[in-house]
C-alpha atoms as a PDB file:
ATOM      1  CA  MET A   1     -45.319   7.456  -6.936  1.00  0.00           C
ATOM      2  CA  GLN A   2     -43.201   4.368  -6.029  1.00  0.00           C
ATOM      3  CA  LYS A   3     -39.538   4.433  -7.017  1.00  0.00           C
ATOM      4  CA  THR A   4     -38.895   1.439  -9.622  1.00  0.00           C
ATOM      5  CA  VAL A   5     -36.510  -1.110  -8.520  1.00  0.00           C
ATOM      6  CA  LYS A   6     -34.592   0.186 -10.982  1.00  0.00           C
ATOM      7  CA  GLU A   7     -34.436   3.627  -9.455  1.00  0.00           C
ATOM      8  CA  LEU A   8     -34.149   2.472  -5.994  1.00  0.00           C
ATOM      9  CA  ILE A   9     -30.649   0.375  -7.163  1.00  0.00           C
ATOM     10  CA  GLN A  10     -28.654   3.891  -7.113  1.00  0.00           C
ATOM     11  CA  ASP A  11     -30.248   4.475  -3.447  1.00  0.00           C
ATOM     12  CA  PHE A  12     -28.819   1.296  -3.045  1.00  0.00           C
ATOM     13  CA  LEU A  13     -25.435   1.824  -4.305  1.00  0.00           C
ATOM     14  CA  ASP A  14     -25.866   5.553  -2.289  1.00  0.00           C
ATOM     15  CA  TYR A  15     -26.603   3.778   1.082  1.00  0.00           C
ATOM     16  CA  CYS A  16     -24.005   1.739   0.685  1.00  0.00           C
ATOM     17  CA  GLU A  17     -20.897   4.269  -0.131  1.00  0.00           C
ATOM     18  CA  ILE A  18     -23.035   6.722   2.414  1.00  0.00           C
ATOM     19  CA  THR A  19     -24.285   5.258   5.287  1.00  0.00           C
ATOM     20  CA  LYS A  20     -21.961   1.810   5.497  1.00  0.00           C
ATOM     21  CA  ASN A  21     -19.444   3.672   4.158  1.00  0.00           C
ATOM     22  CA  GLN A  22     -18.315   0.365   1.990  1.00  0.00           C
ATOM     23  CA  SER A  23     -15.179   0.234   0.064  1.00  0.00           C
ATOM     24  CA  PRO A  24     -15.093   1.841  -3.872  1.00  0.00           C
ATOM     25  CA  LYS A  25     -14.318  -1.951  -5.300  1.00  0.00           C
ATOM     26  CA  THR A  26     -17.260  -3.384  -3.195  1.00  0.00           C
ATOM     27  CA  ILE A  27     -19.359  -0.663  -4.422  1.00  0.00           C
ATOM     28  CA  GLU A  28     -18.277  -0.817  -8.217  1.00  0.00           C
ATOM     29  CA  ASN A  29     -18.795  -5.136  -6.951  1.00  0.00           C
ATOM     30  CA  TYR A  30     -22.513  -4.432  -6.459  1.00  0.00           C
ATOM     31  CA  LYS A  31     -23.217  -1.362  -9.729  1.00  0.00           C
ATOM     32  CA  HIS A  32     -21.832  -4.048 -12.184  1.00  0.00           C
ATOM     33  CA  TYR A  33     -23.974  -7.315 -10.746  1.00  0.00           C
ATOM     34  CA  LEU A  34     -26.691  -5.145 -10.089  1.00  0.00           C
ATOM     35  CA  GLY A  35     -26.490  -3.428 -14.043  1.00  0.00           C
ATOM     36  CA  ARG A  36     -26.898  -6.645 -15.111  1.00  0.00           C
ATOM     37  CA  PHE A  37     -29.805  -7.529 -13.262  1.00  0.00           C
ATOM     38  CA  ALA A  38     -31.254  -4.332 -14.594  1.00  0.00           C
ATOM     39  CA  GLU A  39     -29.821  -5.570 -18.183  1.00  0.00           C
ATOM     40  CA  PHE A  40     -32.205  -8.443 -17.251  1.00  0.00           C
ATOM     41  CA  LEU A  41     -35.453  -6.675 -16.375  1.00  0.00           C
ATOM     42  CA  ASP A  42     -34.878  -4.874 -19.803  1.00  0.00           C
ATOM     43  CA  SER A  43     -34.894  -7.656 -21.832  1.00  0.00           C
ATOM     44  CA  LYS A  44     -38.234  -8.741 -20.353  1.00  0.00           C
ATOM     45  CA  ASN A  45     -39.808  -5.186 -20.685  1.00  0.00           C
ATOM     46  CA  SER A  46     -39.886  -4.598 -16.995  1.00  0.00           C
ATOM     47  CA  SER A  47     -37.715  -1.489 -16.885  1.00  0.00           C
ATOM     48  CA  ASP A  48     -40.653  -0.167 -15.178  1.00  0.00           C
ATOM     49  CA  LEU A  49     -40.924  -2.772 -12.560  1.00  0.00           C
ATOM     50  CA  THR A  50     -41.664  -2.155  -8.522  1.00  0.00           C
ATOM     51  CA  PRO A  51     -40.411  -3.815  -6.007  1.00  0.00           C
ATOM     52  CA  LYS A  52     -43.916  -5.560  -5.283  1.00  0.00           C
ATOM     53  CA  GLU A  53     -43.566  -6.761  -8.331  1.00  0.00           C
ATOM     54  CA  LEU A  54     -40.443  -8.694  -7.898  1.00  0.00           C
ATOM     55  CA  ASP A  55     -41.322 -12.064  -6.902  1.00  0.00           C
ATOM     56  CA  LEU A  56     -39.350 -15.757  -7.049  1.00  0.00           C
ATOM     57  CA  GLN A  57     -40.795 -16.584 -10.698  1.00  0.00           C
ATOM     58  CA  LEU A  58     -38.681 -13.237 -12.127  1.00  0.00           C
ATOM     59  CA  VAL A  59     -35.591 -14.233  -9.756  1.00  0.00           C
ATOM     60  CA  ASN A  60     -35.632 -18.386 -10.946  1.00  0.00           C
ATOM     61  CA  SER A  61     -35.778 -16.324 -14.118  1.00  0.00           C
ATOM     62  CA  TYR A  62     -33.097 -14.168 -13.972  1.00  0.00           C
ATOM     63  CA  ARG A  63     -30.692 -16.767 -12.557  1.00  0.00           C
ATOM     64  CA  LEU A  64     -31.755 -18.998 -15.405  1.00  0.00           C
ATOM     65  CA  TYR A  65     -30.479 -15.908 -17.597  1.00  0.00           C
ATOM     66  CA  LEU A  66     -27.712 -15.893 -15.588  1.00  0.00           C
ATOM     67  CA  ASN A  67     -26.633 -19.412 -16.951  1.00  0.00           C
ATOM     68  CA  ARG A  68     -26.957 -19.519 -19.940  1.00  0.00           C
ATOM     69  CA  LEU A  69     -25.073 -15.327 -20.221  1.00  0.00           C
ATOM     70  CA  ASN A  70     -22.699 -16.010 -23.507  1.00  0.00           C
ATOM     71  CA  GLN A  71     -23.928 -19.039 -23.553  1.00  0.00           C
ATOM     72  CA  PRO A  72     -20.417 -20.687 -25.778  1.00  0.00           C
ATOM     73  CA  LYS A  73     -21.084 -21.058 -29.440  1.00  0.00           C
ATOM     74  CA  THR A  74     -17.293 -21.978 -29.771  1.00  0.00           C
ATOM     75  CA  LEU A  75     -15.018 -24.130 -27.280  1.00  0.00           C
ATOM     76  CA  SER A  76     -12.863 -21.114 -26.517  1.00  0.00           C
ATOM     77  CA  ALA A  77     -15.608 -19.157 -25.140  1.00  0.00           C
ATOM     78  CA  LYS A  78     -16.768 -19.525 -21.980  1.00  0.00           C
ATOM     79  CA  THR A  79     -19.474 -18.707 -19.519  1.00  0.00           C
ATOM     80  CA  LEU A  80     -20.402 -17.569 -15.656  1.00  0.00           C
ATOM     81  CA  SER A  81     -18.840 -20.216 -13.153  1.00  0.00           C
ATOM     82  CA  ALA A  82     -21.651 -20.918 -10.705  1.00  0.00           C
ATOM     83  CA  LYS A  83     -19.390 -19.015  -7.958  1.00  0.00           C
ATOM     84  CA  THR A  84     -19.990 -15.949 -10.481  1.00  0.00           C
ATOM     85  CA  GLN A  85     -23.058 -16.060 -10.690  1.00  0.00           C
ATOM     86  CA  ASN A  86     -23.830 -16.408  -6.891  1.00  0.00           C
ATOM     87  CA  TYR A  87     -21.687 -13.389  -6.345  1.00  0.00           C
ATOM     88  CA  HIS A  88     -25.031 -11.736  -9.053  1.00  0.00           C
ATOM     89  CA  VAL A  89     -27.757 -13.882  -6.199  1.00  0.00           C
ATOM     90  CA  ILE A  90     -25.994 -11.915  -3.310  1.00  0.00           C
ATOM     91  CA  ALA A  91     -25.530  -8.593  -4.435  1.00  0.00           C
ATOM     92  CA  LEU A  92     -29.463  -9.311  -5.264  1.00  0.00           C
ATOM     93  CA  ARG A  93     -30.195 -10.499  -1.572  1.00  0.00           C
ATOM     94  CA  ALA A  94     -28.486  -7.448  -0.764  1.00  0.00           C
ATOM     95  CA  PHE A  95     -30.152  -5.006  -2.290  1.00  0.00           C
ATOM     96  CA  LEU A  96     -33.529  -6.810  -1.489  1.00  0.00           C
ATOM     97  CA  LYS A  97     -32.426  -6.932   2.858  1.00  0.00           C
ATOM     98  CA  TYR A  98     -31.615  -3.462   1.951  1.00  0.00           C
ATOM     99  CA  MET A  99     -35.703  -2.599   0.605  1.00  0.00           C
ATOM    100  CA  THR A 100     -36.506  -4.390   3.364  1.00  0.00           C
ATOM    101  CA  LYS A 101     -34.986  -2.458   6.035  1.00  0.00           C
ATOM    102  CA  ASN A 102     -36.731   0.488   4.540  1.00  0.00           C
ATOM    103  CA  ASP A 103     -39.892  -1.107   4.837  1.00  0.00           C
ATOM    104  CA  ILE A 104     -40.380  -1.715   1.105  1.00  0.00           C
ATOM    105  CA  GLU A 105     -42.432  -4.072   0.081  1.00  0.00           C
ATOM    106  CA  THR A 106     -41.053  -6.487  -1.853  1.00  0.00           C
ATOM    107  CA  LEU A 107     -39.950 -10.293  -2.240  1.00  0.00           C
ATOM    108  CA  SER A 108     -37.896 -11.833   0.909  1.00  0.00           C
ATOM    109  CA  PRO A 109     -34.178 -11.708   0.829  1.00  0.00           C
ATOM    110  CA  GLU A 110     -34.358 -14.832   2.417  1.00  0.00           C
ATOM    111  CA  LYS A 111     -36.115 -17.601  -0.017  1.00  0.00           C
ATOM    112  CA  ILE A 112     -33.138 -16.450  -1.970  1.00  0.00           C
ATOM    113  CA  GLU A 113     -30.920 -19.642  -2.255  1.00  0.00           C
ATOM    114  CA  LEU A 114     -27.381 -19.532  -3.714  1.00  0.00           C
ATOM    115  CA  SER A 115     -26.183 -22.689  -5.772  1.00  0.00           C
ATOM    116  CA  LYS A 116     -24.197 -25.352  -4.503  1.00  0.00           C
ATOM    117  CA  ILE A 117     -20.511 -24.802  -5.727  1.00  0.00           C
ATOM    118  CA  PRO A 118     -17.771 -27.503  -5.194  1.00  0.00           C
ATOM    119  CA  GLU A 119     -15.812 -26.894  -1.852  1.00  0.00           C
ATOM    120  CA  ARG A 120     -13.108 -24.923  -2.214  1.00  0.00           C
ATOM    121  CA  THR A 121      -9.506 -26.237  -3.100  1.00  0.00           C
ATOM    122  CA  ILE A 122      -5.710 -24.629  -1.672  1.00  0.00           C
ATOM    123  CA  GLU A 123      -2.701 -24.396  -3.420  1.00  0.00           C
ATOM    124  CA  ALA A 124       0.153 -23.946  -0.938  1.00  0.00           C
ATOM    125  CA  LEU A 125       3.476 -24.240  -1.207  1.00  0.00           C
ATOM    126  CA  SER A 126       5.781 -26.978   0.463  1.00  0.00           C
ATOM    127  CA  LYS A 127       9.071 -26.449   2.748  1.00  0.00           C
ATOM    128  CA  GLU A 128      10.914 -27.022   0.439  1.00  0.00           C
ATOM    129  CA  GLU A 129       9.654 -25.140  -2.663  1.00  0.00           C
ATOM    130  CA  LEU A 130       8.822 -22.518   0.359  1.00  0.00           C
ATOM    131  CA  ASP A 131      13.415 -22.394   0.663  1.00  0.00           C
ATOM    132  CA  ARG A 132      14.207 -22.329  -2.817  1.00  0.00           C
ATOM    133  CA  LEU A 133      11.494 -20.074  -4.079  1.00  0.00           C
ATOM    134  CA  PHE A 134      13.506 -17.622  -2.029  1.00  0.00           C
ATOM    135  CA  GLU A 135      17.143 -18.352  -2.701  1.00  0.00           C
ATOM    136  CA  CYS A 136      16.314 -17.660  -5.740  1.00  0.00           C
ATOM    137  CA  ALA A 137      15.157 -13.960  -4.869  1.00  0.00           C
ATOM    138  CA  ARG A 138      18.397 -14.093  -2.433  1.00  0.00           C
ATOM    139  CA  GLU A 139      20.594 -14.357  -5.641  1.00  0.00           C
ATOM    140  CA  ASN A 140      21.322 -10.845  -6.534  1.00  0.00           C
ATOM    141  CA  ILE A 141      20.851  -9.316  -2.884  1.00  0.00           C
ATOM    142  CA  ASN A 142      24.482  -8.331  -3.077  1.00  0.00           C
ATOM    143  CA  ALA A 143      24.991  -6.766  -6.512  1.00  0.00           C
ATOM    144  CA  GLU A 144      25.816  -2.917  -6.688  1.00  0.00           C
ATOM    145  CA  GLY A 145      23.333  -0.307  -7.536  1.00  0.00           C
ATOM    146  CA  ALA A 146      19.248  -1.143  -9.663  1.00  0.00           C
ATOM    147  CA  ASP A 147      20.285  -4.634  -9.142  1.00  0.00           C
ATOM    148  CA  GLY A 148      21.236  -5.145  -6.461  1.00  0.00           C
ATOM    149  CA  LEU A 149      18.504  -3.028  -4.689  1.00  0.00           C
ATOM    150  CA  ARG A 150      15.860  -4.843  -6.945  1.00  0.00           C
ATOM    151  CA  SER A 151      16.648  -8.205  -5.351  1.00  0.00           C
ATOM    152  CA  ALA A 152      16.470  -6.667  -0.959  1.00  0.00           C
ATOM    153  CA  ARG A 153      13.217  -5.144  -2.292  1.00  0.00           C
ATOM    154  CA  ASP A 154      12.268  -8.847  -3.727  1.00  0.00           C
ATOM    155  CA  ILE A 155      12.933 -10.829  -0.762  1.00  0.00           C
ATOM    156  CA  SER A 156      11.045  -8.170   1.478  1.00  0.00           C
ATOM    157  CA  ILE A 157       8.258  -8.710  -1.242  1.00  0.00           C
ATOM    158  CA  LEU A 158       8.334 -12.268  -0.608  1.00  0.00           C
ATOM    159  CA  GLU A 159       9.627 -13.008   2.753  1.00  0.00           C
ATOM    160  CA  THR A 160       7.085 -10.194   4.249  1.00  0.00           C
ATOM    161  CA  LEU A 161       4.242 -12.017   2.339  1.00  0.00           C
ATOM    162  CA  TYR A 162       5.048 -15.371   3.628  1.00  0.00           C
ATOM    163  CA  SER A 163       5.677 -13.789   6.946  1.00  0.00           C
ATOM    164  CA  THR A 164       2.142 -12.319   7.841  1.00  0.00           C
ATOM    165  CA  GLY A 165      -0.136 -14.114   5.505  1.00  0.00           C
ATOM    166  CA  LEU A 166      -1.022 -10.173   3.914  1.00  0.00           C
ATOM    167  CA  ARG A 167      -3.400 -10.025   0.811  1.00  0.00           C
ATOM    168  CA  VAL A 168      -1.991  -9.051  -1.840  1.00  0.00           C
ATOM    169  CA  SER A 169      -4.126  -5.192  -1.975  1.00  0.00           C
ATOM    170  CA  GLU A 170      -2.768  -4.878   1.845  1.00  0.00           C
ATOM    171  CA  LEU A 171       1.476  -5.576   1.637  1.00  0.00           C
ATOM    172  CA  ALA A 172       1.141  -2.787  -1.946  1.00  0.00           C
ATOM    173  CA  ASN A 173      -0.425  -0.290   0.596  1.00  0.00           C
ATOM    174  CA  LEU A 174       2.614  -0.431   3.200  1.00  0.00           C
ATOM    175  CA  ASP A 175       3.878   2.876   4.044  1.00  0.00           C
ATOM    176  CA  ARG A 176       7.502   3.155   5.259  1.00  0.00           C
ATOM    177  CA  PRO A 177       6.230   4.424   8.476  1.00  0.00           C
ATOM    178  CA  GLN A 178       3.345   1.659   9.215  1.00  0.00           C
ATOM    179  CA  VAL A 179       5.949  -0.907   9.392  1.00  0.00           C
ATOM    180  CA  ASP A 180       7.271  -1.087  13.823  1.00  0.00           C
ATOM    181  CA  LEU A 181      10.277  -3.194  12.575  1.00  0.00           C
ATOM    182  CA  ASP A 182      11.546  -3.209  16.698  1.00  0.00           C
ATOM    183  CA  ARG A 183       8.322  -4.638  17.704  1.00  0.00           C
ATOM    184  CA  ARG A 184       7.957  -6.497  14.251  1.00  0.00           C
ATOM    185  CA  GLU A 185       4.357  -5.946  14.188  1.00  0.00           C
ATOM    186  CA  PHE A 186       2.265  -3.834  12.868  1.00  0.00           C
ATOM    187  CA  MET A 187      -1.994  -2.201  11.611  1.00  0.00           C
ATOM    188  CA  VAL A 188      -3.445  -3.669   8.519  1.00  0.00           C
ATOM    189  CA  ARG A 189      -6.240  -2.698   6.884  1.00  0.00           C
ATOM    190  CA  GLY A 190      -7.903  -5.394   5.056  1.00  0.00           C
ATOM    191  CA  LYS A 191     -11.249  -6.325   3.446  1.00  0.00           C
ATOM    192  CA  GLY A 192     -14.278  -4.402   4.375  1.00  0.00           C
ATOM    193  CA  ARG A 193     -11.865  -2.032   6.658  1.00  0.00           C
ATOM    194  CA  LYS A 194     -11.464  -4.508   9.277  1.00  0.00           C
ATOM    195  CA  PRO A 195      -7.895  -3.035  11.053  1.00  0.00           C
ATOM    196  CA  ARG A 196      -5.584  -6.569  12.417  1.00  0.00           C
ATOM    197  CA  ILE A 197      -2.451  -6.350  13.499  1.00  0.00           C
ATOM    198  CA  VAL A 198      -0.182  -8.457  11.890  1.00  0.00           C
ATOM    199  CA  PHE A 199       3.370  -9.894  12.706  1.00  0.00           C
ATOM    200  CA  LEU A 200       6.286  -9.278  11.307  1.00  0.00           C
ATOM    201  CA  SER A 201       9.506 -12.849  12.004  1.00  0.00           C
ATOM    202  CA  GLU A 202      12.757 -11.795  13.454  1.00  0.00           C
ATOM    203  CA  HIS A 203      14.630 -12.691   9.928  1.00  0.00           C
ATOM    204  CA  ALA A 204      11.728 -10.858   7.966  1.00  0.00           C
ATOM    205  CA  ALA A 205      11.939  -7.582  10.307  1.00  0.00           C
ATOM    206  CA  GLU A 206      16.201  -8.034   9.490  1.00  0.00           C
ATOM    207  CA  ILE A 207      15.380  -8.437   5.139  1.00  0.00           C
ATOM    208  CA  ILE A 208      13.451  -5.396   5.585  1.00  0.00           C
ATOM    209  CA  ARG A 209      15.728  -3.593   7.408  1.00  0.00           C
ATOM    210  CA  ASN A 210      18.039  -4.226   4.946  1.00  0.00           C
ATOM    211  CA  TYR A 211      16.526  -2.742   2.110  1.00  0.00           C
ATOM    212  CA  ILE A 212      15.150   0.391   3.656  1.00  0.00           C
ATOM    213  CA  HIS A 213      18.761   1.319   4.431  1.00  0.00           C
ATOM    214  CA  ARG A 214      19.623   1.004   0.990  1.00  0.00           C
ATOM    215  CA  ARG A 215      17.367   3.129  -0.767  1.00  0.00           C
ATOM    216  CA  ALA A 216      18.344   6.450  -0.851  1.00  0.00           C
ATOM    217  CA  ASP A 217      15.303   8.472  -0.784  1.00  0.00           C
ATOM    218  CA  ASN A 218      12.791   9.583   1.519  1.00  0.00           C
ATOM    219  CA  PHE A 219       8.988   8.459  -0.235  1.00  0.00           C
ATOM    220  CA  ASP A 220       6.337   6.335   2.016  1.00  0.00           C
ATOM    221  CA  PRO A 221       5.388   3.363  -0.003  1.00  0.00           C
ATOM    222  CA  LEU A 222       7.660   0.137   1.429  1.00  0.00           C
ATOM    223  CA  PHE A 223       7.839  -1.323  -1.725  1.00  0.00           C
ATOM    224  CA  ILE A 224       8.036   0.812  -5.045  1.00  0.00           C
ATOM    225  CA  SER A 225       9.096   0.184  -8.076  1.00  0.00           C
ATOM    226  CA  ILE A 226      13.535   0.846  -9.309  1.00  0.00           C
ATOM    227  CA  PRO A 227      13.510   1.240 -13.161  1.00  0.00           C
ATOM    228  CA  LYS A 228      16.292  -0.745 -14.692  1.00  0.00           C
ATOM    229  CA  PRO A 229      19.304   0.831 -15.538  1.00  0.00           C
ATOM    230  CA  LYS A 230      19.735   3.158 -19.080  1.00  0.00           C
ATOM    231  CA  LYS A 231      22.469   1.524 -20.789  1.00  0.00           C
ATOM    232  CA  THR A 232      24.820   4.780 -22.690  1.00  0.00           C
ATOM    233  CA  ARG A 233      27.432   3.946 -24.395  1.00  0.00           C
ATOM    234  CA  ASP A 234      31.098   5.624 -23.519  1.00  0.00           C
ATOM    235  CA  SER A 235      33.147   7.364 -25.749  1.00  0.00           C
ATOM    236  CA  SER A 236      34.769   4.526 -27.157  1.00  0.00           C
ATOM    237  CA  GLY A 237      30.846   3.929 -28.370  1.00  0.00           C
ATOM    238  CA  GLN A 238      30.952   1.039 -25.903  1.00  0.00           C
ATOM    239  CA  SER A 239      27.913  -0.347 -24.211  1.00  0.00           C
ATOM    240  CA  ILE A 240      28.385   0.556 -20.567  1.00  0.00           C
ATOM    241  CA  THR A 241      25.112   0.227 -17.751  1.00  0.00           C
ATOM    242  CA  SER A 242      24.700   3.380 -15.186  1.00  0.00           C
ATOM    243  CA  GLN A 243      24.934   2.150 -12.238  1.00  0.00           C
ATOM    244  CA  ASN A 244      22.701   5.604 -11.150  1.00  0.00           C
ATOM    245  CA  ILE A 245      19.364   4.567  -9.105  1.00  0.00           C
ATOM    246  CA  LEU A 246      15.565   6.969 -10.613  1.00  0.00           C
ATOM    247  CA  ILE A 247      13.651   6.913  -7.979  1.00  0.00           C
ATOM    248  CA  ASP A 248      10.198   8.176  -8.766  1.00  0.00           C
ATOM    249  CA  GLY A 249       8.380   6.660  -5.225  1.00  0.00           C
ATOM    250  CA  LYS A 250       5.448   5.205  -7.428  1.00  0.00           C
ATOM    251  CA  ARG A 251       3.619   2.837  -5.732  1.00  0.00           C
ATOM    252  CA  LEU A 252       4.060  -1.588  -6.777  1.00  0.00           C
ATOM    253  CA  SER A 253       0.458  -2.139  -7.827  1.00  0.00           C
ATOM    254  CA  THR A 254      -0.231  -5.534  -7.366  1.00  0.00           C
ATOM    255  CA  VAL A 255      -0.310  -6.611 -10.474  1.00  0.00           C
ATOM    256  CA  SER A 256       3.637  -5.814 -10.612  1.00  0.00           C
ATOM    257  CA  ILE A 257       3.491  -7.458  -7.254  1.00  0.00           C
ATOM    258  CA  GLU A 258       2.472 -11.202  -9.144  1.00  0.00           C
ATOM    259  CA  LYS A 259       4.717 -10.580 -11.681  1.00  0.00           C
ATOM    260  CA  ILE A 260       7.489 -10.478  -8.527  1.00  0.00           C
ATOM    261  CA  VAL A 261       6.221 -13.589  -6.805  1.00  0.00           C
ATOM    262  CA  SER A 262       5.483 -15.534 -10.528  1.00  0.00           C
ATOM    263  CA  LYS A 263       8.920 -15.395 -11.579  1.00  0.00           C
ATOM    264  CA  TYR A 264      10.805 -16.275  -8.989  1.00  0.00           C
ATOM    265  CA  ALA A 265       8.273 -19.219  -8.141  1.00  0.00           C
ATOM    266  CA  ARG A 266      10.012 -19.609 -12.397  1.00  0.00           C
ATOM    267  CA  LEU A 267      13.332 -19.295 -11.702  1.00  0.00           C
ATOM    268  CA  ALA A 268      13.079 -21.917  -8.821  1.00  0.00           C
ATOM    269  CA  GLY A 269      11.398 -24.663 -10.583  1.00  0.00           C
ATOM    270  CA  ILE A 270       8.477 -24.223  -9.300  1.00  0.00           C
ATOM    271  CA  ILE A 271       5.553 -26.060 -11.020  1.00  0.00           C
ATOM    272  CA  LYS A 272       2.427 -24.818  -9.648  1.00  0.00           C
ATOM    273  CA  LYS A 273       1.178 -21.694 -10.172  1.00  0.00           C
ATOM    274  CA  VAL A 274       2.352 -19.268  -7.757  1.00  0.00           C
ATOM    275  CA  THR A 275       0.597 -16.357  -6.566  1.00  0.00           C
ATOM    276  CA  PRO A 276       0.870 -13.266  -3.156  1.00  0.00           C
ATOM    277  CA  HIS A 277      -2.629 -15.728  -1.966  1.00  0.00           C
ATOM    278  CA  VAL A 278      -0.533 -19.065  -2.796  1.00  0.00           C
ATOM    279  CA  LEU A 279       2.543 -17.666  -0.461  1.00  0.00           C
ATOM    280  CA  ARG A 280      -0.423 -16.668   1.695  1.00  0.00           C
ATOM    281  CA  HIS A 281      -2.232 -20.032   1.651  1.00  0.00           C
ATOM    282  CA  SER A 282       0.985 -21.416   2.673  1.00  0.00           C
ATOM    283  CA  PHE A 283       1.335 -19.164   5.532  1.00  0.00           C
ATOM    284  CA  ALA A 284      -1.767 -20.688   7.255  1.00  0.00           C
ATOM    285  CA  THR A 285      -0.885 -24.343   6.230  1.00  0.00           C
ATOM    286  CA  GLN A 286       2.509 -23.722   7.921  1.00  0.00           C
ATOM    287  CA  LEU A 287       0.889 -22.698  11.338  1.00  0.00           C
ATOM    288  CA  LEU A 288      -1.777 -24.928  11.446  1.00  0.00           C
ATOM    289  CA  ILE A 289       0.726 -27.819  10.452  1.00  0.00           C
ATOM    290  CA  ASN A 290       3.079 -26.579  13.368  1.00  0.00           C
ATOM    291  CA  GLY A 291       0.446 -26.442  15.573  1.00  0.00           C
ATOM    292  CA  ALA A 292      -1.752 -23.414  15.795  1.00  0.00           C
ATOM    293  CA  ASP A 293      -5.457 -23.414  16.149  1.00  0.00           C
ATOM    294  CA  ILE A 294      -7.353 -22.577  13.968  1.00  0.00           C
ATOM    295  CA  ARG A 295      -9.525 -19.394  15.498  1.00  0.00           C
ATOM    296  CA  SER A 296      -5.808 -17.578  15.565  1.00  0.00           C
ATOM    297  CA  VAL A 297      -5.629 -18.483  12.737  1.00  0.00           C
ATOM    298  CA  GLN A 298      -8.378 -17.066  11.711  1.00  0.00           C
ATOM    299  CA  GLU A 299      -7.523 -13.743  13.106  1.00  0.00           C
ATOM    300  CA  LEU A 300      -3.791 -13.441  12.215  1.00  0.00           C
ATOM    301  CA  LEU A 301      -5.548 -13.778   8.076  1.00  0.00           C
ATOM    302  CA  GLY A 302      -8.746 -11.644   9.267  1.00  0.00           C
ATOM    303  CA  HIS A 303     -11.202 -13.649   7.751  1.00  0.00           C
ATOM    304  CA  SER A 304     -14.130 -12.226   9.142  1.00  0.00           C
ATOM    305  CA  SER A 305     -15.794 -15.906   9.332  1.00  0.00           C
ATOM    306  CA  ILE A 306     -14.441 -19.535  10.424  1.00  0.00           C
ATOM    307  CA  THR A 307     -15.942 -20.870   8.039  1.00  0.00           C
ATOM    308  CA  THR A 308     -13.288 -19.300   5.261  1.00  0.00           C
ATOM    309  CA  THR A 309     -10.270 -20.770   7.748  1.00  0.00           C
ATOM    310  CA  GLN A 310     -11.959 -23.994   7.270  1.00  0.00           C
ATOM    311  CA  ILE A 311     -10.752 -24.812   3.875  1.00  0.00           C
ATOM    312  CA  TYR A 312      -7.029 -24.956   5.480  1.00  0.00           C
ATOM    313  CA  THR A 313      -7.939 -27.962   7.908  1.00  0.00           C
ATOM    314  CA  HIS A 314      -8.374 -30.344   4.486  1.00  0.00           C
ATOM    315  CA  VAL A 315      -4.533 -30.092   4.235  1.00  0.00           C
ATOM    316  CA  THR A 316      -3.504 -29.723   7.410  1.00  0.00           C
ATOM    317  CA  ASN A 317      -5.393 -32.764   9.554  1.00  0.00           C
ATOM    318  CA  LYS A 318      -2.879 -33.583  12.033  1.00  0.00           C
ATOM    319  CA  ALA A 319      -5.478 -35.762  13.913  1.00  0.00           C
ATOM    320  CA  LEU A 320      -6.117 -37.451  11.050  1.00  0.00           C
ATOM    321  CA  ARG A 321      -2.735 -38.158   9.990  1.00  0.00           C
ATOM    322  CA  GLU A 322      -1.980 -39.488  13.103  1.00  0.00           C
ATOM    323  CA  ILE A 323      -4.946 -41.942  13.156  1.00  0.00           C
ATOM    324  CA  HIS A 324      -3.378 -43.366   9.580  1.00  0.00           C
ATOM    325  CA  GLU A 325      -0.596 -43.502  11.424  1.00  0.00           C
ATOM    326  CA  LYS A 326      -1.644 -45.693  14.546  1.00  0.00           C
ATOM    327  CA  PHE A 327      -3.659 -48.403  12.859  1.00  0.00           C
ATOM    328  CA  HIS A 328      -2.413 -48.314   8.811  1.00  0.00           C
ATOM    329  CA  LYS A 329      -0.016 -51.015   9.212  1.00  0.00           C
END
């Protein structure tokens, strides 16, 4: 007896985990998006739908279902964005490709088109904004105890993000033995677990070296949590702050890193929303402004497609600037 579409979804997830060795996050996303498709089938009383019965009309009905999902009853409610709806469709196409590859008769994935969405725009920091950001993070670097160590860690995080263009998850997963400060290069595994080499500037390497030198522990994670000093009272009842540094070796989470970046942007008076990804954008933008070719930037960022990297050319098109300066009188 032929399996139903809902039963085959689990087979597909197992295939992604075992055969394709995809990351837990990718599998989690597929499970979420295809789970919503299963919910749609339930709402249509089609729980026992077979792959052969899956047609374009049903898919179009599903897309309408997504577009109307959580349709706002109030102004504060949100619908699924066109981009998020496309993620659902991409997951469905991957599932259809899996069935086709396994000789299961079903709808051809090529028949499903993605919705057109507005071109991506990026937010990057100017050189002046970057200087202000780093200056704020350096203010307490000479302080004693935990405050000084925390400042050394925070400026290291900012400098590493900007020097390498790492994603925040890649930065959070860094271990001390992994980072070669003498060669100023190291390998990371990005999306799809693809390895790539990233490089540190001399300045960034020196900042990280200073931070590591100040640590008196042997924990592997490069960026760890540093609890704030505890306040106690002396014999006279006066409040004093302990300078003892208690470190448990807990790796900083991506959320903690995002909060650190946001904090210094706020202190620097930068109005834009600044995230680790904005520093990644700034890294790529500055490379292109200074004459780097798009293919090299693609490799440094770890993009699998040049199309993804081309979003930066809209803000760094030197040729157009030269034409404007030459002919605009």
